[in-house]
Amino acid sequence: MTSTRSGRRPRPAPAGGSTGTVAGLLRRVQALALVGVLLLGVLGLAGAVLSLRATSTLTDELMPVQSANDSVLQALTDAETGVRAYSLTGLRTTLGPYFAGIAELPGHERVLRQYAEGDAELAELVAAQEDAAQAWLDGYAAPKLAGPGGPGAFDAELFATGRARFDALRTRHAAVSEALTDRVVAIEEDTRRRLVALVIGTGLVLAALLAGALVGTRRLDREVVVPLARLEDTVHALTQARQGARAPEAGRREVRSVAVALNELAEAQERARAVEEQVRDELRRLDAARTDFVSNVSHELRTPLTTIAGYVEMVADEFEGELSPRHERMLDAGRRNVERLRSLIDDILTLSRAESPSTDLQTVSLRDVVADCVVDLRMTASGRGVDLALAQDRRDPLLVLADPGQLSRAVLNLLSNAVKFSPEGGSVEVTSRREGEALVLTVADHGIGIPAAELAQLGTRFFRASNAVDQSIPGTGLGLRIVQTILEHHGGRLHLASVVGEGTTATVRLPAQAREQGAELQGPQPQSEPEPQPEPEPQPGTP
């Protein structure tokens, strides 16, 4: 079987499964929908055209013709009114309606004749109406106007003739009106039939579209939606680390490809998880070995170091006042290096414990931890002539989830740094506060500061600021690394801002614990005492 570019061999479709693609199915559904929309558009356009034609025929042709037909009768009625007025009065001035009606009559008759062209039945009725009108004019109106008018000129026979001929005119006019009305009804009926046919056709198209949509939806459900839902279930099962969860390889080709890839990914994850577990066990073993090594080495170093320190002090006591200045300097150098090695061993042990994830997490009041640390260092600060000032809101305990001993160690390192690098007569300002969802501790000194080029290197193991080294300020270069490690394990971070010769400000941010979660704390709580440790040597130049 030919391999694909990804290196996986394509798997055959399951028995009874579809070999088509989702794209092909969607294209067919889209084509069906497009045809249906086009048919509906054509039917709608045809209905609009038919309605427009019917309306145009009625408004532009038949209605003007009907109006012209009514105007023919009205014109002759006006003429008859003028003749009757002349008959009664004999005054020619009363013939105004007659002459106006006679003047309008030819125009209205011409409209009727033009419309009736090509329609033999209507043309015959229109001609009969014209003949009746002319018969009334020739047989009554003209003779009456030719003679005298007035009461004494009444001619009963002529009057009877005129009335009979006008009645005949009305009959002819009614026939024409009825014929025109029949044509209006015929147009409306034809339009109605066409619209009914369009509605039926539209209904059939909609029914076909609905049936197609139903069939397409069922196929989409069976071949796309259901397999995708099973894929989703498999993904959820894999995210919950359920071993053996696999997706059924069913549905359209793309869906099956995704299922195959997901199953291969699950298998790869299970293999990786097994390897990861082996690596984790090995790391645990190595970490335990490292801890044991650090403890053993520290113990082995402390024993001879204690012996050396004892002999140094013994020599100093035994030969007190008898040593030369040269020998006194050698003895002081020995004391200093013994203390330096002791501080280094203590810091290495502290860093080793800080790098191990703490399991003694509990709700702690940062306010109380800071206050206790300030009290512990205030005597040391006073001995160096440094004022240690604390500003806190006593109403807010500033609750945080932490290891009390580790948190105290970090705060002590920052405070002792600030005190150590402050000049005699200087001051250190310590503040703690809440900022939104974070607790903020700030330690600011006015000491030697840190060169700007070296700020990025602070926190590196055994790194010390150059100005601290130049001024022979003691330290191991591990204090700030200890602080950063403790804060990282508590979800916090440390920011340093410093200017050489002006001082350093250290800002600690820790995630605050929700107040309701620490509501069980009633007032200040006693903090667990950290194991006895010598005062750490923080990073030179950092608070």
Protein backbone atom coordinates (compact mmCIF):
# COMPACT_ATOMS: atom_id res chain seq x y z
CA MET A 1 0.00 0.00 0.00
CA THR A 2 1.36 3.45 -0.87
CA SER A 3 2.42 5.63 2.06
CA THR A 4 1.15 9.15 2.51
CA ARG A 5 3.42 12.17 2.85
CA SER A 6 2.95 12.14 6.65
CA GLY A 7 4.34 8.64 6.82
CA ARG A 8 1.07 6.99 7.85
CA ARG A 9 -0.56 4.42 5.69
CA PRO A 10 -4.17 5.27 4.81
CA ARG A 11 -6.63 2.93 6.42
CA PRO A 12 -9.50 1.50 4.41
CA ALA A 13 -13.02 2.68 5.12
CA PRO A 14 -14.93 0.48 7.56
CA ALA A 15 -17.49 -1.93 6.17
CA GLY A 16 -20.58 -0.07 5.12
CA GLY A 17 -18.86 3.29 5.64
CA SER A 18 -18.92 6.15 3.17
CA THR A 19 -15.90 6.72 0.95
CA GLY A 20 -16.96 10.28 0.12
CA THR A 21 -15.68 13.44 1.72
CA VAL A 22 -17.36 16.00 3.92
CA ALA A 23 -16.57 18.63 1.30
CA GLY A 24 -18.34 16.57 -1.39
CA LEU A 25 -21.41 16.12 0.76
CA LEU A 26 -21.51 19.79 1.61
CA ARG A 27 -21.12 20.73 -2.07
CA ARG A 28 -24.11 18.57 -2.96
CA VAL A 29 -26.17 20.13 -0.19
CA GLN A 30 -25.09 23.59 -1.31
CA ALA A 31 -25.94 22.79 -4.94
CA LEU A 32 -29.39 21.55 -3.94
CA ALA A 33 -29.96 24.66 -1.88
CA LEU A 34 -28.76 26.87 -4.74
CA VAL A 35 -31.09 25.19 -7.25
CA GLY A 36 -33.99 25.55 -4.84
CA VAL A 37 -33.23 29.22 -4.27
CA LEU A 38 -32.97 29.81 -8.02
CA LEU A 39 -36.31 28.07 -8.62
CA LEU A 40 -37.93 30.10 -5.90
CA GLY A 41 -36.42 33.23 -7.41
CA VAL A 42 -37.71 32.35 -10.87
CA LEU A 43 -41.18 31.59 -9.54
CA GLY A 44 -41.22 34.79 -7.54
CA LEU A 45 -40.07 36.79 -10.55
CA ALA A 46 -42.73 35.17 -12.74
CA GLY A 47 -45.41 35.98 -10.19
CA ALA A 48 -44.22 39.57 -10.00
CA VAL A 49 -44.22 39.87 -13.80
CA LEU A 50 -47.74 38.42 -14.08
CA SER A 51 -49.04 40.70 -11.38
CA LEU A 52 -47.37 43.68 -13.02
CA ARG A 53 -48.79 42.79 -16.45
CA ALA A 54 -52.29 42.34 -15.08
CA THR A 55 -52.07 45.57 -13.17
CA SER A 56 -50.66 47.36 -16.22
CA THR A 57 -53.46 46.03 -18.44
CA LEU A 58 -56.10 47.14 -15.99
CA THR A 59 -54.65 50.53 -15.14
CA ASP A 60 -53.15 51.52 -18.50
CA GLU A 61 -55.73 50.08 -20.90
CA LEU A 62 -59.06 48.94 -19.51
CA MET A 63 -59.60 51.61 -16.90
CA PRO A 64 -59.07 54.50 -19.39
CA VAL A 65 -61.41 52.74 -21.86
CA GLN A 66 -64.09 52.30 -19.19
CA SER A 67 -63.66 55.94 -18.27
CA ALA A 68 -63.98 56.95 -21.94
CA ASN A 69 -67.13 54.85 -22.27
CA ASP A 70 -68.68 56.53 -19.23
CA SER A 71 -67.64 59.91 -20.64
CA VAL A 72 -69.51 59.15 -23.92
CA LEU A 73 -72.77 58.74 -22.00
CA GLN A 74 -72.00 61.77 -19.86
CA ALA A 75 -71.29 63.94 -22.92
CA LEU A 76 -74.58 62.91 -24.55
CA THR A 77 -76.40 63.42 -21.25
CA ASP A 78 -75.00 66.96 -21.11
CA ALA A 79 -76.11 67.53 -24.71
CA GLU A 80 -79.61 66.23 -23.90
CA THR A 81 -79.73 68.60 -20.90
CA GLY A 82 -78.92 71.57 -23.12
CA VAL A 83 -81.57 70.59 -25.70
CA ARG A 84 -84.22 70.20 -23.00
CA ALA A 85 -83.39 73.61 -21.55
CA TYR A 86 -83.71 75.19 -24.99
CA SER A 87 -87.06 73.44 -25.51
CA LEU A 88 -88.40 74.88 -22.28
CA THR A 89 -87.06 78.43 -22.58
CA GLY A 90 -86.38 79.01 -26.26
CA LEU A 91 -83.15 80.79 -25.25
CA ARG A 92 -80.01 79.93 -27.27
CA THR A 93 -77.87 80.78 -24.25
CA THR A 94 -79.02 77.58 -22.55
CA LEU A 95 -77.32 75.42 -25.19
CA GLY A 96 -73.88 75.60 -23.50
CA PRO A 97 -74.01 72.02 -22.12
CA TYR A 98 -75.10 70.78 -25.53
CA PHE A 99 -72.16 72.30 -27.41
CA ALA A 100 -69.68 71.19 -24.66
CA GLY A 101 -70.92 67.59 -24.77
CA ILE A 102 -70.85 67.47 -28.57
CA ALA A 103 -67.26 68.80 -28.54
CA GLU A 104 -66.04 66.09 -26.14
CA LEU A 105 -67.90 63.20 -27.74
CA PRO A 106 -65.56 62.46 -30.71
CA GLY A 107 -62.49 62.11 -28.50
CA HIS A 108 -64.10 59.59 -26.18
CA GLU A 109 -65.48 57.59 -29.11
CA ARG A 110 -62.02 57.49 -30.69
CA VAL A 111 -60.53 55.92 -27.52
CA LEU A 112 -63.21 53.24 -27.62
CA ARG A 113 -62.66 52.50 -31.30
CA GLN A 114 -58.87 52.20 -30.88
CA TYR A 115 -59.19 49.75 -27.99
CA ALA A 116 -61.83 47.69 -29.83
CA GLU A 117 -59.59 47.14 -32.85
CA GLY A 118 -58.92 43.43 -33.17
CA ASP A 119 -61.88 42.55 -30.94
CA ALA A 120 -64.83 42.00 -33.34
CA GLU A 121 -67.41 41.61 -30.59
CA LEU A 122 -66.43 44.78 -28.76
CA ALA A 123 -65.96 46.70 -32.02
CA GLU A 124 -69.53 45.83 -33.03
CA LEU A 125 -70.90 47.01 -29.67
CA VAL A 126 -68.90 50.25 -29.87
CA ALA A 127 -70.16 50.89 -33.42
CA ALA A 128 -73.75 50.24 -32.33
CA GLN A 129 -73.32 52.77 -29.50
CA GLU A 130 -71.96 55.37 -31.95
CA ASP A 131 -74.87 54.70 -34.33
CA ALA A 132 -77.36 55.14 -31.47
CA ALA A 133 -75.73 58.40 -30.47
CA GLN A 134 -75.77 59.67 -34.04
CA ALA A 135 -79.40 58.59 -34.42
CA TRP A 136 -80.35 60.66 -31.37
CA LEU A 137 -78.44 63.66 -32.65
CA ASP A 138 -79.86 63.43 -36.18
CA GLY A 139 -83.40 62.37 -35.27
CA TYR A 140 -84.04 64.61 -32.28
CA ALA A 141 -81.34 67.11 -31.30
CA ALA A 142 -80.73 68.64 -34.73
CA PRO A 143 -84.44 69.05 -35.66
CA LYS A 144 -85.21 70.48 -32.24
CA LEU A 145 -82.46 73.05 -32.46
CA ALA A 146 -83.39 73.95 -36.00
CA GLY A 147 -86.85 75.12 -34.91
CA PRO A 148 -88.02 77.60 -32.32
CA GLY A 149 -87.97 76.73 -28.64
CA GLY A 150 -90.22 77.67 -25.76
CA PRO A 151 -93.51 76.34 -24.34
CA GLY A 152 -95.46 77.11 -27.51
CA ALA A 153 -93.10 75.07 -29.74
CA PHE A 154 -93.56 71.73 -28.01
CA ASP A 155 -93.74 68.82 -30.50
CA ALA A 156 -94.98 65.65 -28.76
CA GLU A 157 -94.05 63.32 -31.61
CA LEU A 158 -90.49 64.68 -31.83
CA PHE A 159 -90.14 64.49 -28.07
CA ALA A 160 -91.24 60.83 -28.08
CA THR A 161 -88.74 60.07 -30.83
CA GLY A 162 -85.91 61.73 -28.89
CA ARG A 163 -86.71 59.87 -25.67
CA ALA A 164 -86.91 56.51 -27.47
CA ARG A 165 -83.60 57.08 -29.22
CA PHE A 166 -81.83 58.19 -25.97
CA ASP A 167 -83.14 55.06 -24.22
CA ALA A 168 -81.68 53.01 -27.08
CA LEU A 169 -78.37 54.87 -26.55
CA ARG A 170 -78.39 53.93 -22.87
CA THR A 171 -78.99 50.28 -23.81
CA ARG A 172 -76.05 50.29 -26.23
CA HIS A 173 -73.87 51.98 -23.61
CA ALA A 174 -74.83 49.36 -21.01
CA ALA A 175 -73.84 46.62 -23.47
CA VAL A 176 -70.42 48.20 -24.01
CA SER A 177 -69.91 48.62 -20.25
CA GLU A 178 -70.83 45.00 -19.64
CA ALA A 179 -68.41 43.84 -22.32
CA LEU A 180 -65.59 45.89 -20.79
CA THR A 181 -66.42 44.54 -17.31
CA ASP A 182 -66.30 40.99 -18.68
CA ARG A 183 -62.81 41.63 -19.98
CA VAL A 184 -61.68 42.98 -16.59
CA VAL A 185 -63.06 39.87 -14.93
CA ALA A 186 -61.38 37.65 -17.51
CA ILE A 187 -57.99 39.30 -16.94
CA GLU A 188 -58.36 39.02 -13.17
CA GLU A 189 -59.39 35.37 -13.43
CA ASP A 190 -56.47 34.56 -15.73
CA THR A 191 -54.08 36.30 -13.38
CA ARG A 192 -55.56 34.45 -10.42
CA ARG A 193 -55.12 31.10 -12.16
CA ARG A 194 -51.52 31.87 -12.98
CA LEU A 195 -50.79 32.99 -9.43
CA VAL A 196 -52.40 29.84 -8.03
CA ALA A 197 -50.19 27.79 -10.34
CA LEU A 198 -47.15 29.74 -9.12
CA VAL A 199 -48.13 29.21 -5.49
CA ILE A 200 -48.53 25.49 -6.11
CA GLY A 201 -45.17 25.38 -7.90
CA THR A 202 -43.55 27.31 -5.06
CA GLY A 203 -45.07 24.91 -2.56
CA LEU A 204 -43.73 21.95 -4.49
CA VAL A 205 -40.27 23.49 -4.66
CA LEU A 206 -40.35 24.23 -0.93
CA ALA A 207 -41.50 20.68 -0.24
CA ALA A 208 -38.65 19.35 -2.38
CA LEU A 209 -36.19 21.61 -0.57
CA LEU A 210 -37.53 20.48 2.79
CA ALA A 211 -37.24 16.84 1.79
CA GLY A 212 -33.72 17.43 0.49
CA ALA A 213 -32.78 19.29 3.67
CA LEU A 214 -34.17 16.44 5.77
CA VAL A 215 -32.23 13.85 3.79
CA GLY A 216 -29.08 15.98 3.85
CA THR A 217 -29.41 16.60 7.58
CA ARG A 218 -29.79 12.92 8.30
CA ARG A 219 -26.72 12.14 6.19
CA LEU A 220 -24.74 14.90 7.90
CA ASP A 221 -25.79 13.56 11.30
CA ARG A 222 -24.93 9.99 10.39
CA GLU A 223 -21.68 10.66 8.53
CA VAL A 224 -20.35 13.84 10.17
CA VAL A 225 -22.08 14.99 13.36
CA VAL A 226 -22.27 11.65 15.16
CA PRO A 227 -18.65 10.68 14.35
CA LEU A 228 -17.50 14.15 15.44
CA ALA A 229 -19.42 13.81 18.71
CA ARG A 230 -17.67 10.48 19.30
CA LEU A 231 -14.36 12.16 18.54
CA GLU A 232 -15.22 14.84 21.11
CA ASP A 233 -16.03 12.18 23.71
CA THR A 234 -12.70 10.51 22.99
CA VAL A 235 -10.84 13.81 23.37
CA HIS A 236 -12.54 14.44 26.73
CA ALA A 237 -11.63 10.92 27.82
CA LEU A 238 -8.00 11.50 26.81
CA THR A 239 -7.87 14.81 28.69
CA GLN A 240 -9.02 12.89 31.79
CA ALA A 241 -6.12 10.45 31.26
CA ARG A 242 -8.41 7.49 30.65
CA GLN A 243 -6.21 4.69 29.39
CA GLY A 244 -7.29 2.90 26.24
CA ALA A 245 -9.70 5.62 25.04
CA ARG A 246 -9.93 5.42 21.25
CA ALA A 247 -12.11 7.07 18.61
CA PRO A 248 -14.20 4.92 16.24
CA GLU A 249 -12.90 5.27 12.69
CA ALA A 250 -16.23 5.92 10.99
CA GLY A 251 -17.91 8.62 8.93
CA ARG A 252 -16.62 10.63 6.00
CA ARG A 253 -13.02 10.46 4.88
CA GLU A 254 -11.89 13.62 6.69
CA VAL A 255 -13.56 12.52 9.92
CA ARG A 256 -11.95 9.07 9.67
CA SER A 257 -8.57 10.72 9.06
CA VAL A 258 -8.98 12.81 12.21
CA ALA A 259 -9.99 9.69 14.16
CA VAL A 260 -6.92 7.82 12.88
CA ALA A 261 -4.64 10.74 13.80
CA LEU A 262 -6.26 11.07 17.22
CA ASN A 263 -5.84 7.35 17.93
CA GLU A 264 -2.20 7.50 16.87
CA LEU A 265 -1.72 10.57 19.08
CA ALA A 266 -3.33 8.72 22.01
CA GLU A 267 -1.00 5.79 21.50
CA ALA A 268 1.99 8.14 21.30
CA GLN A 269 0.83 9.90 24.47
CA GLU A 270 0.55 6.62 26.33
CA ARG A 271 4.07 5.71 25.28
CA ALA A 272 5.30 9.19 26.25
CA ARG A 273 3.47 8.96 29.57
CA ALA A 274 5.21 5.70 30.35
CA VAL A 275 8.58 7.25 29.47
CA GLU A 276 7.70 10.35 31.50
CA GLU A 277 6.88 8.22 34.52
CA GLN A 278 10.22 6.48 34.21
CA VAL A 279 12.00 9.84 33.92
CA ARG A 280 10.04 11.19 36.91
CA ASP A 281 11.04 8.20 39.02
CA GLU A 282 14.64 8.67 37.97
CA LEU A 283 14.48 12.38 38.83
CA ARG A 284 13.00 11.58 42.23
CA ARG A 285 15.82 9.15 42.83
CA LEU A 286 18.41 11.71 41.70
CA ASP A 287 16.83 14.46 43.81
CA ALA A 288 16.86 12.21 46.85
CA ALA A 289 20.48 11.35 46.13
CA ARG A 290 21.34 15.05 45.75
CA THR A 291 19.63 15.90 49.03
CA ASP A 292 21.44 13.09 50.80
CA PHE A 293 24.70 14.19 49.21
CA VAL A 294 24.25 17.83 50.28
CA SER A 295 23.32 16.77 53.81
CA ASN A 296 26.22 14.34 54.10
CA VAL A 297 28.74 16.78 52.63
CA SER A 298 27.48 19.59 54.87
CA HIS A 299 27.72 17.32 57.90
CA GLU A 300 31.19 16.16 56.92
CA LEU A 301 32.30 19.76 56.41
CA ARG A 302 30.73 21.08 59.61
CA THR A 303 32.55 18.53 61.82
CA PRO A 304 36.11 19.53 60.85
CA LEU A 305 35.03 23.17 60.55
CA THR A 306 33.81 23.12 64.13
CA THR A 307 37.13 21.57 65.18
CA ILE A 308 39.09 24.24 63.30
CA ALA A 309 36.97 27.02 64.84
CA GLY A 310 37.56 25.54 68.30
CA TYR A 311 41.31 25.40 67.82
CA VAL A 312 41.37 28.95 66.48
CA GLU A 313 39.54 30.20 69.56
CA MET A 314 41.77 28.07 71.80
CA VAL A 315 44.88 29.64 70.28
CA ALA A 316 43.38 33.10 70.63
CA ASP A 317 42.55 32.52 74.30
CA GLU A 318 45.84 30.79 75.19
CA PHE A 319 48.10 33.35 73.57
CA GLU A 320 45.97 36.44 74.22
CA GLY A 321 48.24 39.46 74.43
CA GLU A 322 51.32 37.46 73.43
CA LEU A 323 50.85 37.35 69.65
CA SER A 324 52.58 39.74 67.33
CA PRO A 325 50.48 41.97 65.07
CA ARG A 326 51.34 39.70 62.17
CA HIS A 327 50.09 36.65 64.02
CA GLU A 328 46.95 38.54 65.14
CA ARG A 329 46.13 39.29 61.50
CA MET A 330 46.62 35.64 60.59
CA LEU A 331 44.32 34.59 63.43
CA ASP A 332 41.62 37.09 62.34
CA ALA A 333 41.87 35.79 58.78
CA GLY A 334 41.32 32.29 60.06
CA ARG A 335 38.23 33.37 62.04
CA ARG A 336 36.77 35.19 59.01
CA ASN A 337 37.22 32.26 56.68
CA VAL A 338 35.77 29.85 59.22
CA GLU A 339 32.66 32.04 59.48
CA ARG A 340 32.51 32.40 55.70
CA LEU A 341 32.60 28.63 55.21
CA ARG A 342 29.96 28.17 57.92
CA SER A 343 27.65 30.72 56.24
CA LEU A 344 28.22 29.09 52.86
CA ILE A 345 27.31 25.65 54.22
CA ASP A 346 24.19 27.03 55.90
CA ASP A 347 23.09 28.82 52.72
CA ILE A 348 23.64 25.72 50.60
CA LEU A 349 21.44 23.72 52.97
CA THR A 350 18.78 26.46 52.96
CA LEU A 351 18.78 26.66 49.17
CA SER A 352 18.50 22.89 48.91
CA ARG A 353 15.43 22.92 51.15
CA ALA A 354 13.96 25.91 49.27
CA GLU A 355 14.32 24.13 45.93
CA SER A 356 12.24 21.20 47.17
CA PRO A 357 8.46 21.82 46.76
CA SER A 358 6.99 22.65 50.13
CA THR A 359 4.24 20.44 51.52
CA ASP A 360 3.61 22.54 54.65
CA LEU A 361 1.30 25.06 52.98
CA GLN A 362 -1.19 26.81 55.24
CA THR A 363 -3.01 30.11 55.54
CA VAL A 364 -0.47 32.64 56.83
CA SER A 365 -0.76 36.32 57.69
CA LEU A 366 1.93 38.14 55.73
CA ARG A 367 1.38 41.12 58.03
CA ASP A 368 2.35 39.07 61.08
CA VAL A 369 5.30 37.38 59.34
CA VAL A 370 6.75 40.76 58.34
CA ALA A 371 6.15 42.20 61.81
CA ASP A 372 7.93 39.24 63.47
CA CYS A 373 10.88 39.52 61.12
CA VAL A 374 11.22 43.25 61.81
CA VAL A 375 11.22 42.56 65.55
CA ASP A 376 13.89 39.85 65.12
CA LEU A 377 16.19 42.17 63.15
CA ARG A 378 15.55 45.44 65.01
CA MET A 379 18.31 44.81 67.57
CA THR A 380 20.82 43.96 64.83
CA ALA A 381 19.78 47.12 62.93
CA SER A 382 20.14 49.25 66.07
CA GLY A 383 23.63 47.85 66.65
CA ARG A 384 24.60 49.05 63.18
CA GLY A 385 22.93 52.45 63.71
CA VAL A 386 20.17 51.72 61.17
CA ASP A 387 16.53 52.69 61.77
CA LEU A 388 14.13 49.87 60.75
CA ALA A 389 10.67 51.42 60.10
CA LEU A 390 7.51 49.34 59.52
CA ALA A 391 4.20 50.61 58.02
CA GLN A 392 1.23 48.20 57.80
CA ASP A 393 -2.55 48.23 57.98
CA ARG A 394 -3.32 46.32 61.17
CA ARG A 395 -6.93 45.79 60.05
CA ASP A 396 -5.95 43.60 57.09
CA PRO A 397 -4.08 40.35 57.94
CA LEU A 398 -2.93 39.97 54.31
CA LEU A 399 -3.66 36.25 54.11
CA VAL A 400 -1.53 34.08 51.83
CA LEU A 401 -1.18 30.32 51.31
CA ALA A 402 2.45 29.60 52.16
CA ASP A 403 5.01 27.60 54.10
CA PRO A 404 5.52 29.77 57.21
CA GLY A 405 9.19 28.85 57.68
CA GLN A 406 10.11 29.41 54.05
CA LEU A 407 8.19 32.70 53.86
CA SER A 408 9.92 33.94 57.03
CA ARG A 409 13.30 32.98 55.56
CA ALA A 410 12.63 35.04 52.41
CA VAL A 411 11.52 38.11 54.38
CA LEU A 412 14.50 37.81 56.76
CA ASN A 413 16.91 37.62 53.82
CA LEU A 414 15.47 40.80 52.30
CA LEU A 415 15.49 42.71 55.61
CA SER A 416 19.02 41.61 56.59
CA ASN A 417 20.26 42.60 53.13
CA ALA A 418 18.76 46.05 53.49
CA VAL A 419 20.24 46.51 56.97
CA LYS A 420 23.69 45.19 55.99
CA PHE A 421 24.09 47.48 52.99
CA SER A 422 22.74 50.60 54.73
CA PRO A 423 25.25 53.13 56.10
CA GLU A 424 25.42 53.96 59.79
CA GLY A 425 22.65 56.41 60.60
CA GLY A 426 20.64 55.25 57.60
CA SER A 427 17.09 53.88 57.50
CA VAL A 428 15.14 50.97 56.01
CA GLU A 429 11.42 51.39 55.20
CA VAL A 430 9.27 48.26 55.20
CA THR A 431 5.65 48.35 53.98
CA SER A 432 3.05 45.68 53.20
CA ARG A 433 -0.30 46.25 51.54
CA ARG A 434 -2.98 44.75 49.31
CA GLU A 435 -3.23 45.67 45.63
CA GLY A 436 -6.26 44.00 44.05
CA GLU A 437 -5.66 40.24 44.06
CA ALA A 438 -2.00 40.58 45.10
CA LEU A 439 -0.14 41.21 48.36
CA VAL A 440 2.82 43.58 48.03
CA LEU A 441 5.84 43.79 50.36
CA THR A 442 8.33 46.62 49.80
CA VAL A 443 11.76 46.89 51.46
CA ALA A 444 13.65 50.10 50.64
CA ASP A 445 17.15 51.02 51.85
CA HIS A 446 19.46 53.97 51.23
CA GLY A 447 22.68 52.00 50.94
CA ILE A 448 25.34 51.42 48.33
CA GLY A 449 22.91 50.33 45.60
CA ILE A 450 23.58 47.96 42.70
CA PRO A 451 25.24 48.80 39.35
CA ALA A 452 22.59 48.87 36.63
CA ALA A 453 24.60 46.53 34.37
CA GLU A 454 24.56 43.85 37.09
CA LEU A 455 20.85 43.89 37.98
CA ALA A 456 20.02 41.20 35.42
CA GLN A 457 22.61 38.81 36.95
CA LEU A 458 21.28 39.04 40.49
CA GLY A 459 19.86 35.72 41.61
CA THR A 460 22.57 33.74 39.89
CA ARG A 461 24.21 31.35 42.31
CA PHE A 462 27.29 32.79 44.02
CA PHE A 463 27.07 36.08 42.09
CA ARG A 464 27.83 39.21 44.12
CA ALA A 465 27.63 42.85 43.09
CA SER A 466 31.01 44.34 42.21
CA ASN A 467 30.69 47.30 44.60
CA ALA A 468 29.97 44.91 47.50
CA VAL A 469 33.07 42.89 46.65
CA ASP A 470 35.18 46.06 46.33
CA GLN A 471 34.05 47.22 49.79
CA SER A 472 34.76 43.76 51.28
CA ILE A 473 31.19 43.30 52.50
CA PRO A 474 30.85 39.63 53.45
CA GLY A 475 28.35 37.35 51.72
CA THR A 476 27.95 34.03 49.91
CA GLY A 477 26.03 35.10 46.81
CA LEU A 478 23.14 32.72 47.63
CA GLY A 479 20.79 34.92 49.67
CA LEU A 480 18.87 36.42 46.76
CA ARG A 481 18.75 33.04 44.98
CA ILE A 482 17.08 31.62 48.10
CA VAL A 483 14.50 34.46 48.11
CA GLN A 484 13.67 34.01 44.43
CA THR A 485 13.34 30.23 44.77
CA ILE A 486 10.97 30.53 47.74
CA LEU A 487 8.82 33.11 45.95
CA GLU A 488 8.64 30.99 42.78
CA HIS A 489 7.30 28.05 44.80
CA HIS A 490 4.63 30.36 46.25
CA GLY A 491 3.52 31.81 42.90
CA GLY A 492 5.18 35.16 43.65
CA ARG A 493 7.88 37.28 42.06
CA LEU A 494 10.60 39.73 43.07
CA HIS A 495 11.41 43.04 41.40
CA LEU A 496 14.51 45.11 42.16
CA ALA A 497 15.03 48.81 41.48
CA SER A 498 18.38 50.34 42.41
CA VAL A 499 20.59 53.36 41.90
CA VAL A 500 24.27 53.20 42.88
CA GLY A 501 24.92 55.39 45.91
CA GLU A 502 21.22 56.01 46.57
CA GLY A 503 19.87 52.64 47.60
CA THR A 504 17.76 49.66 46.53
CA THR A 505 14.03 48.91 46.63
CA ALA A 506 12.88 45.27 46.60
CA THR A 507 9.20 44.64 45.77
CA VAL A 508 7.62 41.24 46.44
CA ARG A 509 4.25 40.27 44.97
CA LEU A 510 2.34 37.23 46.23
CA PRO A 511 -1.12 35.97 45.24
CA ALA A 512 -3.60 36.85 47.99
CA GLN A 513 -5.82 34.17 49.46
CA ALA A 514 -9.56 34.94 49.28
CA ARG A 515 -10.64 36.57 52.52
CA GLU A 516 -13.53 34.17 53.03
CA GLN A 517 -11.10 31.23 52.79
CA GLY A 518 -9.16 32.61 55.73
CA ALA A 519 -12.17 33.72 57.77
CA GLU A 520 -11.42 31.02 60.33
CA LEU A 521 -8.40 33.04 61.44
CA GLN A 522 -9.50 35.11 64.41
CA GLY A 523 -6.89 37.81 64.88
CA PRO A 524 -3.14 37.19 64.60
CA GLN A 525 -2.27 33.49 64.54
CA PRO A 526 0.95 32.05 65.96
CA GLN A 527 3.40 31.19 63.22
CA SER A 528 5.33 27.93 63.11
CA GLU A 529 8.91 28.52 64.16
CA PRO A 530 11.48 27.80 61.45
CA GLU A 531 14.25 25.46 62.40
CA PRO A 532 17.19 27.26 64.01
CA GLN A 533 19.42 28.65 61.32
CA PRO A 534 22.22 31.17 61.33
CA GLU A 535 21.44 34.58 59.90
CA PRO A 536 21.68 34.25 56.07
CA GLU A 537 24.07 36.21 53.96
CA PRO A 538 21.79 37.86 51.30
CA GLN A 539 22.90 39.01 47.87
CA PRO A 540 25.16 42.06 48.25
CA GLY A 541 23.50 45.32 47.41
CA THR A 542 19.96 43.89 47.37
CA PRO A 543 17.30 44.49 50.01
